[in-house]
Amino acid sequence: MSNFSTVIISNRLPVSVSRQDGELKFDASSGGLATAMSSLEVENKIWVGWPG
């Protein structure tokens, strides 16, 4: 185990965020990078991007 984190910076996040009944709802995004990166088992992962 290391003290390092994997930081992913992309245009879109691997989730879409919407508001439903006053609460935030997170749905997995489909498509290129989100699908490819979801298969990685990275424990310390930070994803920076736009929630769509």
N, C-alpha and C. Protein backbone atom coordinates (compact mmCIF):
# COMPACT_ATOMS: atom_id res chain seq x y z
N MET A 1 0.86 -1.18 0.00
CA MET A 1 0.00 0.00 0.00
C MET A 1 0.90 1.23 0.00
N SER A 2 0.57 2.19 -0.84
CA SER A 2 1.37 3.41 -0.91
C SER A 2 0.58 4.59 -0.38
N ASN A 3 1.27 5.70 -0.20
CA ASN A 3 0.64 6.92 0.26
C ASN A 3 0.22 7.81 -0.91
N PHE A 4 0.34 7.31 -2.12
CA PHE A 4 0.03 8.09 -3.30
C PHE A 4 -1.42 7.89 -3.72
N SER A 5 -1.98 8.90 -4.37
CA SER A 5 -3.32 8.82 -4.94
C SER A 5 -3.21 8.93 -6.45
N THR A 6 -4.14 8.30 -7.14
CA THR A 6 -4.25 8.48 -8.57
C THR A 6 -5.22 9.62 -8.81
N VAL A 7 -4.79 10.64 -9.55
CA VAL A 7 -5.65 11.78 -9.86
C VAL A 7 -5.98 11.73 -11.34
N ILE A 8 -7.28 11.69 -11.65
CA ILE A 8 -7.76 11.67 -13.03
C ILE A 8 -8.44 13.00 -13.29
N ILE A 9 -7.99 13.71 -14.32
CA ILE A 9 -8.60 14.98 -14.69
C ILE A 9 -9.19 14.81 -16.08
N SER A 10 -10.50 15.01 -16.18
CA SER A 10 -11.17 14.83 -17.47
C SER A 10 -12.28 15.86 -17.62
N ASN A 11 -12.80 15.96 -18.83
CA ASN A 11 -13.89 16.89 -19.09
C ASN A 11 -15.15 16.49 -18.33
N ARG A 12 -15.44 15.20 -18.25
CA ARG A 12 -16.64 14.71 -17.59
C ARG A 12 -16.28 13.75 -16.47
N LEU A 13 -17.12 13.72 -15.45
CA LEU A 13 -16.95 12.75 -14.36
C LEU A 13 -17.56 11.42 -14.77
N PRO A 14 -17.27 10.34 -14.04
CA PRO A 14 -17.85 9.04 -14.37
C PRO A 14 -19.29 8.91 -13.89
N VAL A 15 -19.88 10.00 -13.43
CA VAL A 15 -21.27 10.00 -12.98
C VAL A 15 -21.99 11.23 -13.54
N SER A 16 -23.30 11.12 -13.68
CA SER A 16 -24.15 12.26 -13.99
C SER A 16 -24.90 12.60 -12.72
N VAL A 17 -25.02 13.88 -12.41
CA VAL A 17 -25.66 14.30 -11.17
C VAL A 17 -26.95 15.04 -11.52
N SER A 18 -28.03 14.67 -10.83
CA SER A 18 -29.30 15.37 -11.00
C SER A 18 -29.95 15.53 -9.63
N ARG A 19 -30.94 16.39 -9.56
CA ARG A 19 -31.65 16.60 -8.31
C ARG A 19 -33.04 15.99 -8.46
N GLN A 20 -33.41 15.11 -7.52
CA GLN A 20 -34.70 14.44 -7.57
C GLN A 20 -35.31 14.45 -6.18
N ASP A 21 -36.49 15.03 -6.06
CA ASP A 21 -37.18 15.16 -4.77
C ASP A 21 -36.30 15.85 -3.73
N GLY A 22 -35.56 16.86 -4.17
CA GLY A 22 -34.74 17.65 -3.26
C GLY A 22 -33.42 17.00 -2.87
N GLU A 23 -33.10 15.85 -3.45
CA GLU A 23 -31.85 15.16 -3.13
C GLU A 23 -31.03 14.96 -4.40
N LEU A 24 -29.72 14.87 -4.23
CA LEU A 24 -28.85 14.63 -5.37
C LEU A 24 -28.90 13.15 -5.75
N LYS A 25 -28.96 12.89 -7.05
CA LYS A 25 -28.98 11.53 -7.56
C LYS A 25 -27.76 11.34 -8.45
N PHE A 26 -27.01 10.29 -8.24
CA PHE A 26 -25.80 10.00 -9.00
C PHE A 26 -26.04 8.75 -9.84
N ASP A 27 -25.85 8.87 -11.15
CA ASP A 27 -25.98 7.74 -12.07
C ASP A 27 -24.67 7.56 -12.82
N ALA A 28 -24.26 6.32 -12.97
CA ALA A 28 -23.01 6.04 -13.68
C ALA A 28 -23.11 6.50 -15.13
N SER A 29 -22.06 7.13 -15.61
CA SER A 29 -22.01 7.57 -17.01
C SER A 29 -21.55 6.41 -17.87
N SER A 30 -22.02 6.41 -19.10
CA SER A 30 -21.52 5.42 -20.05
C SER A 30 -20.59 6.14 -21.02
N GLY A 31 -19.71 5.42 -21.59
CA GLY A 31 -18.82 6.03 -22.57
C GLY A 31 -17.37 5.81 -22.26
N GLY A 32 -16.56 6.13 -23.21
CA GLY A 32 -15.12 5.91 -23.25
C GLY A 32 -14.34 5.85 -21.97
N LEU A 33 -13.91 7.00 -21.49
CA LEU A 33 -12.99 7.05 -20.35
C LEU A 33 -13.64 6.53 -19.08
N ALA A 34 -14.89 6.89 -18.83
CA ALA A 34 -15.58 6.44 -17.61
C ALA A 34 -15.65 4.92 -17.56
N THR A 35 -15.97 4.29 -18.67
CA THR A 35 -16.06 2.83 -18.72
C THR A 35 -14.69 2.20 -18.55
N ALA A 36 -13.70 2.72 -19.23
CA ALA A 36 -12.35 2.15 -19.14
C ALA A 36 -11.78 2.28 -17.73
N MET A 37 -11.95 3.43 -17.11
CA MET A 37 -11.37 3.67 -15.80
C MET A 37 -12.13 2.96 -14.69
N SER A 38 -13.40 2.66 -14.89
CA SER A 38 -14.17 1.99 -13.84
C SER A 38 -13.65 0.58 -13.58
N SER A 39 -12.95 0.00 -14.55
CA SER A 39 -12.42 -1.34 -14.36
C SER A 39 -11.15 -1.36 -13.53
N LEU A 40 -10.53 -0.21 -13.32
CA LEU A 40 -9.31 -0.16 -12.52
C LEU A 40 -9.65 -0.22 -11.03
N GLU A 41 -8.95 -1.06 -10.33
CA GLU A 41 -9.14 -1.18 -8.89
C GLU A 41 -8.13 -0.28 -8.19
N VAL A 42 -8.37 1.01 -8.20
CA VAL A 42 -7.48 1.98 -7.58
C VAL A 42 -8.15 2.46 -6.30
N GLU A 43 -7.49 2.21 -5.17
CA GLU A 43 -8.09 2.53 -3.88
C GLU A 43 -8.13 4.04 -3.62
N ASN A 44 -7.04 4.73 -3.86
CA ASN A 44 -6.96 6.17 -3.59
C ASN A 44 -7.09 6.92 -4.91
N LYS A 45 -8.33 7.07 -5.37
CA LYS A 45 -8.58 7.68 -6.67
C LYS A 45 -9.36 8.98 -6.48
N ILE A 46 -8.90 10.05 -7.13
CA ILE A 46 -9.59 11.34 -7.12
C ILE A 46 -9.89 11.67 -8.58
N TRP A 47 -11.17 11.93 -8.88
CA TRP A 47 -11.56 12.24 -10.26
C TRP A 47 -12.07 13.67 -10.28
N VAL A 48 -11.44 14.52 -11.09
CA VAL A 48 -11.80 15.93 -11.19
C VAL A 48 -12.41 16.16 -12.56
N GLY A 49 -13.61 16.75 -12.60
CA GLY A 49 -14.26 17.01 -13.87
C GLY A 49 -15.64 17.63 -13.69
N TRP A 50 -16.36 17.75 -14.78
CA TRP A 50 -17.69 18.34 -14.80
C TRP A 50 -18.73 17.23 -14.63
N PRO A 51 -19.74 17.40 -13.75
CA PRO A 51 -20.71 16.33 -13.51
C PRO A 51 -21.77 16.19 -14.60
N GLY A 52 -21.75 17.03 -15.61
CA GLY A 52 -22.64 16.86 -16.74
C GLY A 52 -23.96 17.48 -16.56
